[in-house]
């Protein structure tokens, strides 16, 4: 959506919209069910706002009907699951007393090149597991 499509900015908005249309032809759509349209509006005048809302509704209808909307939400939920698990595990790892005693020593050895990051991580996990 190109806003400010009014007054003295209308020519620049028209060029920007044309540039976006050309650019969108060069990239693969993120979904085979939807090609992103380019629209212009003027929030000042209210021009184009109903058309933009219509595009939003069409997008939701199309993506829901194809199953792509639910699939994307499911993938986002899976990604969130692993993000939460990672954050919780790292918090537990960092707060573990056995790990805390070894962190500085292991970080220094890795930074100095005396220990590989993989070996350092293994040692942190060994301290965590007891």
Foldseek 3Di string as FASTA:
>chain_A
DQEPCDDPCVVVSVVVQVVVVVVQVVDDDPDPQDRDHGFYYYPVVRPRPVVVVVVVVVVVVRCVVVVNVVVVVVVVVVVVVVVVVVVVVVVLLCPDPQLVVCVVVLVVCCVVVVAPPVRSVVVSVVSSVD
